[in-house]
Amino acid sequence: MNRVIKFFSFCLFVYLFTNEEGQAARIGELVDTDPWEQIKRFFSFSDRGLQLSLIGAVLFGAVCGLIGSFIVVRKMALFGDAVSHAVLPGVAIGFMWGMEKDPLAILIGATIAGLFGSVLVQAIVRSSRIKQDAALGIVLASFFAFGLCLIRIIQNHEGASRISGLKSYLFGDVAVIDRSDLIIMAIVVVVTVLLFCILYRPFLIISFDRQFAYSLGIPVRFLDAVFQMFLAAAIVISLQAVGVVLVSAMLIIPAATAYLLVDRMSRMIFMAMTLGIMSAALGVFFSFLGSNLPTGPFMVISSSLLFLLAYLFSPNNGRLTKWFKFISLKAKVRDENLLKLLYNYLETHSEAREGIEILISDIANLKKHNQKNMVSDLKRLQKNGAVELVDGKVSLTKEGLSLASTVVRNHRLWELYLTNEADYAADHVHDDAEKVEHLLSEEKVKELELFLDYPELDPHGKPIPGRVNS
């Protein structure tokens, strides 16, 4: 990690200090609106304004993903939104310091304002009956209104014509980022990443169990203050790209997307940083396709689309993924129940082996199904190679017999487990076994057989087929 940071910092340093300003049109000044030509220009990376915009997008996208991961797991989304609004007065004061755009003065002023806002929230909560959500709303609105008033005062000042880029802090415009902004951004990002690498374990413990952190002697309040300071700094360097109104979205959405995709904090941080960079770069790309299109909103839209994809198709948490799994499980249960019915019928009337024919009408009557529907279900099993249908009769294939034996074995093993270990009555275990038989893996069945000492009969005296080899 440290080598990557050093290499990245070196490359950025060389780029920032060896390139001259104004080599090509800024991203907000492009006049060629033919989409195909714009796409070619984008991937040629020849425009100076585009180069600066992409570097800025990578920087703030990465730091937003990093800090946003801790915001999401700490359930501090509203707190991040409040701090993003609270920094606005600090931005205005930073402008007023020299009545010019000084990135360092703006960073210091905004960070102090953000910290003061967070301290004020905590003071209100601790010294009154006001809950945290109400205190956050009060601070958010008050600081934002105060910042707007200061910005109007600056704009009405006679020297305001010398000030450029102030509006970008409200609504976002990545095109106004210049080399001095990138230097400040790079310093903040590198310091933030290094700090979180050093303090990763304490931050992790505090995020998931504050009381345990206290018991270990971790300085929780001090680290909370450090976290809030770097949260404010991350918000400040992101303001020019997405603006005060939308910056909280870039803190929350990539991290929330990563939360749906992975189940470990370290992976979540890496994924959130990647998604933050992707969202920011996509926002620059889409805004590059037309003339004077906003970059900040496109960044948020891109991150929202990525979240939507994760929400729908995440392997473990996606809504459509879960629906497809549910439909697949229903089909599996239906097919396995029918195979089990054929097996039980053969076991009762002759012998459970392949090739023995059964009248479909007998199975339909036994299951109390319409024969037409029964034929439809059996044709699906025939397509899977589990049964053969000939002249109104059905027989199990070798594959079908093996699958049917597996289901019956799982059912009877679980019945025996419930009667022996859970003190179930033998006539009360069938329904529970019906649910579990389709969910047992081969590994679990091996463990179950070993635990039960490889039984041969179930609680009803029926043989347990298809013993799994140990």
Protein backbone atom coordinates (compact mmCIF):
# COMPACT_ATOMS: atom_id res chain seq x y z
CA MET A 1 0.00 0.00 0.00
CA ASN A 2 2.78 2.44 0.94
CA ARG A 3 4.66 1.71 -2.31
CA VAL A 4 1.52 2.37 -4.33
CA ILE A 5 0.98 5.68 -2.52
CA LYS A 6 4.59 6.73 -3.09
CA PHE A 7 4.48 5.82 -6.78
CA PHE A 8 1.16 7.60 -7.29
CA SER A 9 2.38 10.68 -5.42
CA PHE A 10 5.58 10.80 -7.50
CA CYS A 11 3.66 10.54 -10.81
CA LEU A 12 1.23 13.24 -9.71
CA PHE A 13 4.08 15.51 -8.59
CA VAL A 14 5.84 15.14 -11.95
CA TYR A 15 2.61 15.84 -13.83
CA LEU A 16 1.62 18.88 -11.81
CA PHE A 17 4.97 20.59 -11.92
CA THR A 18 6.09 19.80 -15.47
CA ASN A 19 2.94 20.77 -17.41
CA GLU A 20 2.02 24.30 -18.32
CA GLU A 21 -1.42 25.77 -17.97
CA GLY A 22 -3.72 26.46 -20.89
CA GLN A 23 -2.49 23.89 -23.43
CA ALA A 24 -6.04 23.15 -24.58
CA ALA A 25 -9.63 24.13 -23.97
CA ARG A 26 -11.06 23.65 -20.50
CA ILE A 27 -13.77 21.06 -20.15
CA GLY A 28 -16.40 23.72 -19.59
CA GLU A 29 -15.35 25.68 -22.66
CA LEU A 30 -15.63 22.96 -25.30
CA VAL A 31 -17.70 23.91 -28.30
CA ASP A 32 -17.59 20.68 -30.34
CA THR A 33 -20.82 18.94 -29.40
CA ASP A 34 -20.68 15.99 -31.84
CA PRO A 35 -20.78 13.01 -29.43
CA TRP A 36 -18.48 10.78 -31.47
CA GLU A 37 -15.88 13.50 -31.85
CA GLN A 38 -16.12 14.24 -28.14
CA ILE A 39 -15.63 10.57 -27.30
CA LYS A 40 -12.49 10.50 -29.47
CA ARG A 41 -11.19 13.65 -27.80
CA PHE A 42 -11.94 12.26 -24.35
CA PHE A 43 -9.96 9.05 -24.85
CA SER A 44 -7.10 10.91 -26.50
CA PHE A 45 -6.67 12.80 -23.18
CA SER A 46 -5.16 15.70 -25.11
CA ASP A 47 -7.20 18.51 -23.47
CA ARG A 48 -5.46 20.13 -20.54
CA GLY A 49 -8.76 20.88 -18.85
CA LEU A 50 -9.82 17.26 -19.20
CA GLN A 51 -6.54 16.04 -17.73
CA LEU A 52 -6.95 18.25 -14.67
CA SER A 53 -10.60 17.23 -14.31
CA LEU A 54 -9.82 13.50 -14.43
CA ILE A 55 -6.98 13.81 -11.92
CA GLY A 56 -9.25 15.76 -9.58
CA ALA A 57 -12.02 13.18 -10.08
CA VAL A 58 -9.67 10.31 -9.22
CA LEU A 59 -8.42 12.10 -6.11
CA PHE A 60 -11.72 13.10 -4.58
CA GLY A 61 -13.46 9.89 -5.71
CA ALA A 62 -10.88 7.81 -3.85
CA VAL A 63 -10.97 9.83 -0.64
CA CYS A 64 -14.79 9.96 -0.65
CA GLY A 65 -14.92 6.17 -1.01
CA LEU A 66 -12.44 5.69 1.83
CA ILE A 67 -14.11 7.98 4.37
CA GLY A 68 -17.60 7.12 3.13
CA SER A 69 -17.04 3.47 4.07
CA PHE A 70 -16.68 4.42 7.72
CA ILE A 71 -19.62 6.83 7.48
CA VAL A 72 -21.89 4.05 6.19
CA VAL A 73 -20.90 1.41 8.77
CA ARG A 74 -21.14 4.01 11.56
CA LYS A 75 -24.61 5.07 10.33
CA MET A 76 -23.43 8.69 10.05
CA ALA A 77 -24.94 9.54 6.65
CA LEU A 78 -26.91 12.50 7.97
CA PHE A 79 -23.85 13.66 9.94
CA GLY A 80 -21.81 13.72 6.72
CA ASP A 81 -24.53 15.73 5.02
CA ALA A 82 -24.57 18.22 7.89
CA VAL A 83 -20.79 18.67 7.81
CA SER A 84 -20.88 19.18 4.03
CA HIS A 85 -23.26 22.10 4.52
CA ALA A 86 -21.45 23.39 7.60
CA VAL A 87 -18.20 23.96 5.67
CA LEU A 88 -19.79 26.57 3.40
CA PRO A 89 -19.19 29.53 5.76
CA GLY A 90 -15.55 28.44 6.01
CA VAL A 91 -15.29 28.45 2.21
CA ALA A 92 -16.66 31.99 2.11
CA ILE A 93 -14.32 33.16 4.89
CA GLY A 94 -11.41 31.58 3.02
CA PHE A 95 -12.34 33.72 0.00
CA MET A 96 -12.71 36.81 2.17
CA TRP A 97 -9.24 36.29 3.69
CA GLY A 98 -7.53 37.78 0.65
CA MET A 99 -10.54 38.41 -1.59
CA GLU A 100 -9.15 35.81 -3.98
CA LYS A 101 -9.30 32.09 -4.50
CA ASP A 102 -6.61 30.72 -2.20
CA PRO A 103 -6.98 26.88 -1.98
CA LEU A 104 -5.05 26.63 1.28
CA ALA A 105 -7.04 29.39 2.99
CA ILE A 106 -10.29 27.82 1.79
CA LEU A 107 -9.19 24.38 3.03
CA ILE A 108 -8.27 25.69 6.46
CA GLY A 109 -11.39 27.84 6.81
CA ALA A 110 -13.75 25.13 5.62
CA THR A 111 -12.14 22.45 7.80
CA ILE A 112 -12.43 24.65 10.88
CA ALA A 113 -16.07 25.45 10.03
CA GLY A 114 -16.85 21.75 9.56
CA LEU A 115 -15.22 20.83 12.88
CA PHE A 116 -17.06 23.66 14.63
CA GLY A 117 -20.34 22.42 13.17
CA SER A 118 -19.75 18.86 14.37
CA VAL A 119 -18.72 20.06 17.85
CA LEU A 120 -21.84 22.24 17.99
CA VAL A 121 -24.04 19.26 17.14
CA GLN A 122 -22.51 17.22 19.97
CA ALA A 123 -22.84 20.15 22.39
CA ILE A 124 -26.54 20.56 21.56
CA VAL A 125 -27.20 16.85 22.07
CA ARG A 126 -25.31 16.63 25.37
CA SER A 127 -26.65 19.84 26.92
CA SER A 128 -30.31 19.66 25.91
CA ARG A 129 -33.19 17.31 25.20
CA ILE A 130 -32.67 17.71 21.45
CA LYS A 131 -31.89 14.43 19.67
CA GLN A 132 -29.01 14.10 17.23
CA ASP A 133 -31.12 14.12 14.05
CA ALA A 134 -32.80 17.39 15.08
CA ALA A 135 -29.46 18.92 16.09
CA LEU A 136 -27.97 17.95 12.72
CA GLY A 137 -30.90 19.56 10.93
CA ILE A 138 -30.48 22.79 12.92
CA VAL A 139 -26.74 23.03 12.27
CA LEU A 140 -27.09 22.01 8.61
CA ALA A 141 -29.66 24.68 7.83
CA SER A 142 -28.09 27.44 9.95
CA PHE A 143 -24.55 27.05 8.66
CA PHE A 144 -25.71 26.70 5.06
CA ALA A 145 -27.82 29.87 5.33
CA PHE A 146 -24.93 31.76 6.94
CA GLY A 147 -22.61 30.59 4.15
CA LEU A 148 -25.05 31.76 1.47
CA CYS A 149 -25.23 35.18 3.09
CA LEU A 150 -21.43 35.46 3.15
CA ILE A 151 -21.21 34.42 -0.49
CA ARG A 152 -23.74 37.11 -1.46
CA ILE A 153 -21.70 39.70 0.47
CA ILE A 154 -18.58 38.63 -1.42
CA GLN A 155 -20.36 38.79 -4.78
CA ASN A 156 -21.59 42.32 -3.99
CA HIS A 157 -18.08 43.45 -3.10
CA GLU A 158 -16.45 45.81 -5.58
CA GLY A 159 -13.52 43.43 -6.00
CA ALA A 160 -15.73 40.41 -6.67
CA SER A 161 -14.93 40.50 -10.38
CA ARG A 162 -11.44 39.24 -9.50
CA ILE A 163 -12.88 36.21 -7.77
CA SER A 164 -13.54 33.15 -9.91
CA GLY A 165 -14.77 29.71 -8.94
CA LEU A 166 -16.87 30.70 -5.92
CA LYS A 167 -20.08 29.48 -7.52
CA SER A 168 -18.52 26.05 -8.13
CA TYR A 169 -18.48 25.41 -4.37
CA LEU A 170 -22.27 25.59 -4.37
CA PHE A 171 -23.16 23.54 -7.43
CA GLY A 172 -19.89 21.95 -8.49
CA ASP A 173 -17.81 22.45 -11.62
CA VAL A 174 -14.77 20.24 -12.05
CA ALA A 175 -13.58 22.46 -14.91
CA VAL A 176 -12.53 25.24 -12.50
CA ILE A 177 -9.99 22.98 -10.78
CA ASP A 178 -6.48 24.23 -11.48
CA ARG A 179 -3.00 23.03 -10.64
CA SER A 180 -2.90 24.65 -7.18
CA ASP A 181 -6.22 22.95 -6.32
CA LEU A 182 -4.82 19.60 -7.41
CA ILE A 183 -1.72 20.02 -5.26
CA ILE A 184 -3.88 20.65 -2.18
CA MET A 185 -6.15 17.74 -3.11
CA ALA A 186 -3.20 15.40 -3.60
CA ILE A 187 -1.71 16.33 -0.23
CA VAL A 188 -5.04 15.80 1.55
CA VAL A 189 -5.65 12.45 -0.17
CA VAL A 190 -2.17 11.07 0.53
CA VAL A 191 -2.23 12.19 4.18
CA THR A 192 -5.75 10.78 4.61
CA VAL A 193 -4.85 7.40 3.13
CA LEU A 194 -1.68 7.17 5.24
CA LEU A 195 -3.59 8.10 8.39
CA PHE A 196 -6.29 5.53 7.79
CA CYS A 197 -3.67 2.86 7.07
CA ILE A 198 -2.01 3.63 10.42
CA LEU A 199 -5.25 3.92 12.42
CA TYR A 200 -7.24 1.28 10.53
CA ARG A 201 -7.71 -1.15 13.43
CA PRO A 202 -8.75 1.48 16.04
CA PHE A 203 -11.17 3.05 13.54
CA LEU A 204 -12.53 -0.41 12.73
CA ILE A 205 -13.14 -1.26 16.38
CA ILE A 206 -14.76 2.10 17.08
CA SER A 207 -17.01 1.74 14.04
CA PHE A 208 -18.44 -1.60 15.13
CA ASP A 209 -18.22 -1.62 18.95
CA ARG A 210 -17.51 1.64 20.78
CA GLN A 211 -17.84 0.09 24.24
CA PHE A 212 -15.26 -2.55 23.38
CA ALA A 213 -12.98 0.22 22.10
CA TYR A 214 -13.32 2.01 25.44
CA SER A 215 -12.48 -1.21 27.29
CA LEU A 216 -9.29 -1.58 25.25
CA GLY A 217 -8.17 1.92 26.23
CA ILE A 218 -8.56 3.35 22.74
CA PRO A 219 -8.94 7.17 22.82
CA VAL A 220 -12.35 7.10 21.18
CA ARG A 221 -13.22 10.78 21.43
CA PHE A 222 -9.82 11.89 20.16
CA LEU A 223 -10.05 9.54 17.17
CA ASP A 224 -13.61 10.74 16.53
CA ALA A 225 -12.25 14.28 16.33
CA VAL A 226 -9.48 13.14 13.96
CA PHE A 227 -12.05 11.37 11.79
CA GLN A 228 -14.27 14.44 11.69
CA MET A 229 -11.31 16.64 10.76
CA PHE A 230 -10.42 14.45 7.79
CA LEU A 231 -14.09 14.14 6.87
CA ALA A 232 -14.28 17.92 6.68
CA ALA A 233 -11.06 18.07 4.62
CA ALA A 234 -12.37 15.40 2.22
CA ILE A 235 -15.60 17.34 1.80
CA VAL A 236 -13.72 20.55 1.07
CA ILE A 237 -11.58 19.06 -1.71
CA SER A 238 -14.74 17.56 -3.24
CA LEU A 239 -16.84 20.71 -3.16
CA GLN A 240 -15.53 22.18 -6.42
CA ALA A 241 -16.41 19.00 -8.30
CA VAL A 242 -19.90 18.26 -6.98
CA GLY A 243 -20.88 21.23 -4.82
CA VAL A 244 -22.20 21.53 -1.27
CA VAL A 245 -25.60 20.12 -2.17
CA LEU A 246 -24.36 16.87 -3.75
CA VAL A 247 -21.06 16.14 -2.00
CA SER A 248 -22.72 13.95 0.62
CA ALA A 249 -23.99 11.71 -2.18
CA MET A 250 -20.41 10.98 -3.26
CA LEU A 251 -19.55 10.14 0.33
CA ILE A 252 -22.47 7.77 0.81
CA ILE A 253 -23.47 6.15 -2.49
CA PRO A 254 -20.15 4.47 -3.49
CA ALA A 255 -19.71 3.16 0.06
CA ALA A 256 -23.31 1.95 0.20
CA THR A 257 -22.80 0.20 -3.14
CA ALA A 258 -19.66 -1.51 -1.85
CA TYR A 259 -21.59 -2.53 1.29
CA LEU A 260 -23.96 -4.54 -0.91
CA LEU A 261 -21.13 -6.25 -2.79
CA VAL A 262 -18.65 -7.37 -0.12
CA ASP A 263 -18.74 -8.59 3.45
CA ARG A 264 -15.37 -7.47 4.87
CA MET A 265 -14.40 -3.93 5.82
CA SER A 266 -11.04 -3.99 4.04
CA ARG A 267 -12.69 -5.14 0.81
CA MET A 268 -15.48 -2.62 1.27
CA ILE A 269 -12.98 0.25 1.50
CA PHE A 270 -11.14 -0.87 -1.63
CA MET A 271 -14.41 -1.38 -3.51
CA ALA A 272 -15.82 1.98 -2.36
CA MET A 273 -12.67 3.81 -3.47
CA THR A 274 -12.83 2.06 -6.85
CA LEU A 275 -16.51 2.89 -7.28
CA GLY A 276 -15.90 6.50 -6.19
CA ILE A 277 -13.20 6.88 -8.84
CA MET A 278 -15.40 5.21 -11.48
CA SER A 279 -18.38 7.45 -10.64
CA ALA A 280 -16.27 10.61 -10.76
CA ALA A 281 -14.59 9.61 -14.04
CA LEU A 282 -17.94 8.70 -15.60
CA GLY A 283 -19.33 12.07 -14.54
CA VAL A 284 -16.45 13.82 -16.30
CA PHE A 285 -16.98 11.63 -19.37
CA PHE A 286 -20.71 12.34 -19.69
CA SER A 287 -20.29 16.06 -19.08
CA PHE A 288 -17.56 16.09 -21.76
CA LEU A 289 -20.00 14.87 -24.41
CA GLY A 290 -21.88 18.18 -24.61
CA SER A 291 -21.33 21.87 -24.12
CA ASN A 292 -21.41 23.19 -20.54
CA LEU A 293 -23.00 20.05 -19.10
CA PRO A 294 -22.71 19.81 -15.29
CA THR A 295 -20.10 17.41 -13.98
CA GLY A 296 -21.28 17.08 -10.36
CA PRO A 297 -24.81 15.89 -11.13
CA PHE A 298 -23.46 13.44 -13.72
CA MET A 299 -21.07 12.04 -11.12
CA VAL A 300 -23.92 11.48 -8.67
CA ILE A 301 -26.11 9.96 -11.40
CA SER A 302 -23.27 7.60 -12.36
CA SER A 303 -22.78 6.51 -8.76
CA SER A 304 -26.55 6.06 -8.39
CA LEU A 305 -26.65 3.85 -11.49
CA LEU A 306 -23.81 1.73 -10.09
CA PHE A 307 -25.76 1.45 -6.83
CA LEU A 308 -28.87 0.41 -8.75
CA LEU A 309 -26.93 -2.35 -10.52
CA ALA A 310 -25.57 -3.59 -7.18
CA TYR A 311 -29.02 -3.34 -5.57
CA LEU A 312 -30.53 -5.48 -8.32
CA PHE A 313 -27.72 -7.88 -9.23
CA SER A 314 -25.40 -8.17 -6.23
CA PRO A 315 -24.47 -11.88 -5.89
CA ASN A 316 -25.62 -12.11 -2.27
CA ASN A 317 -27.91 -9.10 -1.71
CA GLY A 318 -29.33 -8.19 -5.13
CA ARG A 319 -33.10 -8.09 -5.29
CA LEU A 320 -33.29 -9.70 -8.73
CA THR A 321 -30.57 -12.17 -7.75
CA LYS A 322 -32.60 -13.21 -4.72
CA TRP A 323 -35.73 -13.46 -6.87
CA PHE A 324 -33.98 -15.67 -9.42
CA LYS A 325 -32.63 -17.85 -6.60
CA PHE A 326 -36.11 -18.09 -5.12
CA ILE A 327 -37.63 -19.10 -8.46
CA SER A 328 -34.84 -21.62 -9.00
CA LEU A 329 -35.34 -23.05 -5.52
CA LYS A 330 -39.10 -23.37 -6.07
CA ALA A 331 -38.49 -25.29 -9.31
CA LYS A 332 -35.92 -27.50 -7.58
CA VAL A 333 -38.28 -28.24 -4.68
CA ARG A 334 -41.13 -29.05 -7.08
CA ASP A 335 -38.96 -31.43 -9.15
CA GLU A 336 -37.38 -33.11 -6.13
CA ASN A 337 -40.76 -33.60 -4.45
CA LEU A 338 -42.05 -35.32 -7.60
CA LEU A 339 -38.98 -37.57 -7.80
CA LYS A 340 -39.40 -38.41 -4.11
CA LEU A 341 -43.04 -39.29 -4.79
CA LEU A 342 -42.01 -41.67 -7.57
CA TYR A 343 -39.38 -43.24 -5.32
CA ASN A 344 -41.83 -43.74 -2.45
CA TYR A 345 -44.39 -45.23 -4.85
CA LEU A 346 -41.84 -47.72 -6.19
CA GLU A 347 -40.65 -48.54 -2.67
CA THR A 348 -44.22 -49.24 -1.56
CA HIS A 349 -45.43 -51.22 -4.59
CA SER A 350 -42.36 -53.07 -5.80
CA GLU A 351 -38.72 -52.01 -5.59
CA ALA A 352 -37.04 -48.61 -5.89
CA ARG A 353 -34.86 -49.06 -8.97
CA GLU A 354 -34.55 -47.61 -12.43
CA GLY A 355 -36.62 -48.67 -15.41
CA ILE A 356 -39.76 -49.77 -13.51
CA GLU A 357 -42.79 -48.21 -15.16
CA ILE A 358 -45.55 -46.45 -13.24
CA LEU A 359 -48.90 -45.29 -14.59
CA ILE A 360 -49.02 -41.51 -14.69
CA SER A 361 -52.68 -41.65 -13.67
CA ASP A 362 -51.72 -43.47 -10.46
CA ILE A 363 -49.19 -40.75 -9.56
CA ALA A 364 -51.70 -38.02 -10.40
CA ASN A 365 -54.34 -39.62 -8.17
CA LEU A 366 -51.83 -40.13 -5.38
CA LYS A 367 -50.79 -36.49 -5.45
CA LYS A 368 -54.36 -35.30 -6.18
CA HIS A 369 -53.21 -33.41 -9.29
CA ASN A 370 -54.77 -33.00 -12.67
CA GLN A 371 -53.19 -35.58 -14.99
CA LYS A 372 -52.47 -32.93 -17.61
CA ASN A 373 -50.48 -30.88 -15.09
CA MET A 374 -48.71 -34.01 -13.93
CA VAL A 375 -47.62 -34.79 -17.48
CA SER A 376 -46.31 -31.25 -17.82
CA ASP A 377 -44.20 -31.64 -14.65
CA LEU A 378 -42.92 -35.04 -15.78
CA LYS A 379 -41.94 -33.67 -19.19
CA ARG A 380 -39.77 -31.11 -17.43
CA LEU A 381 -38.07 -33.95 -15.54
CA GLN A 382 -37.71 -35.86 -18.80
CA LYS A 383 -36.00 -32.88 -20.36
CA ASN A 384 -33.52 -32.92 -17.45
CA GLY A 385 -32.89 -36.63 -17.99
CA ALA A 386 -34.45 -37.75 -14.69
CA VAL A 387 -37.39 -39.80 -16.07
CA GLU A 388 -38.61 -41.47 -19.24
CA LEU A 389 -42.20 -41.18 -20.51
CA VAL A 390 -43.73 -43.88 -22.71
CA ASP A 391 -47.46 -44.42 -23.47
CA GLY A 392 -48.85 -42.88 -20.30
CA LYS A 393 -46.19 -44.45 -18.11
CA VAL A 394 -43.17 -43.02 -16.35
CA SER A 395 -39.95 -44.62 -15.13
CA LEU A 396 -36.89 -43.30 -13.32
CA THR A 397 -33.60 -43.12 -15.16
CA LYS A 398 -30.31 -43.87 -13.42
CA GLU A 399 -29.76 -40.14 -12.88
CA GLY A 400 -33.32 -39.66 -11.65
CA LEU A 401 -33.03 -42.57 -9.23
CA SER A 402 -29.81 -41.15 -7.82
CA LEU A 403 -31.38 -37.72 -7.26
CA ALA A 404 -34.56 -39.23 -5.77
CA SER A 405 -32.46 -41.38 -3.41
CA THR A 406 -30.55 -38.29 -2.30
CA VAL A 407 -33.73 -36.39 -1.44
CA VAL A 408 -35.23 -39.35 0.43
CA ARG A 409 -31.94 -39.92 2.28
CA ASN A 410 -31.83 -36.25 3.38
CA HIS A 411 -35.46 -36.41 4.50
CA ARG A 412 -35.06 -39.56 6.58
CA LEU A 413 -31.73 -38.55 8.09
CA TRP A 414 -33.21 -35.27 9.27
CA GLU A 415 -36.24 -37.05 10.71
CA LEU A 416 -33.90 -39.32 12.66
CA TYR A 417 -31.83 -36.36 13.85
CA LEU A 418 -34.93 -34.55 15.14
CA THR A 419 -36.24 -37.61 17.00
CA ASN A 420 -32.87 -38.54 18.52
CA GLU A 421 -31.42 -35.11 19.34
CA ALA A 422 -34.36 -32.69 19.54
CA ASP A 423 -36.85 -35.05 21.22
CA TYR A 424 -39.41 -34.72 18.44
CA ALA A 425 -42.18 -37.30 18.32
CA ALA A 426 -41.78 -39.57 15.29
CA ASP A 427 -45.17 -38.46 13.91
CA HIS A 428 -44.22 -34.75 14.13
CA VAL A 429 -40.99 -34.67 12.16
CA HIS A 430 -42.27 -35.00 8.60
CA ASP A 431 -43.12 -31.34 7.94
CA ASP A 432 -39.79 -30.03 9.23
CA ALA A 433 -37.90 -32.63 7.20
CA GLU A 434 -39.87 -31.58 4.10
CA LYS A 435 -38.39 -28.08 4.40
CA VAL A 436 -34.80 -29.05 5.19
CA GLU A 437 -34.31 -31.93 2.75
CA HIS A 438 -33.83 -29.59 -0.22
CA LEU A 439 -31.28 -27.37 1.53
CA LEU A 440 -28.78 -29.90 2.90
CA SER A 441 -25.43 -29.94 1.10
CA GLU A 442 -23.39 -33.13 0.65
CA GLU A 443 -20.92 -31.90 3.28
CA LYS A 444 -23.70 -31.37 5.82
CA VAL A 445 -25.14 -34.79 5.03
CA LYS A 446 -21.75 -36.42 5.62
CA GLU A 447 -21.49 -34.65 8.96
CA LEU A 448 -25.05 -35.73 9.81
CA GLU A 449 -24.36 -39.36 8.92
CA LEU A 450 -21.17 -39.36 10.98
CA PHE A 451 -22.98 -37.77 13.93
CA LEU A 452 -25.77 -40.39 13.74
CA ASP A 453 -23.22 -43.23 13.28
CA TYR A 454 -24.34 -44.08 9.74
CA PRO A 455 -27.89 -45.23 10.48
CA GLU A 456 -29.76 -47.64 8.18
CA LEU A 457 -33.37 -46.95 9.27
CA ASP A 458 -35.38 -43.78 9.87
CA PRO A 459 -37.72 -43.29 12.89
CA HIS A 460 -40.52 -45.07 10.98
CA GLY A 461 -38.43 -48.14 10.23
CA LYS A 462 -37.89 -47.29 6.55
CA PRO A 463 -34.41 -47.82 5.02
CA ILE A 464 -32.19 -44.78 4.48
CA PRO A 465 -30.95 -45.05 0.88
CA GLY A 466 -27.85 -43.78 -0.87
CA ARG A 467 -25.34 -43.66 1.99
CA VAL A 468 -22.68 -40.99 1.35
CA ASN A 469 -19.19 -42.43 1.41
CA SER A 470 -17.13 -40.99 4.28
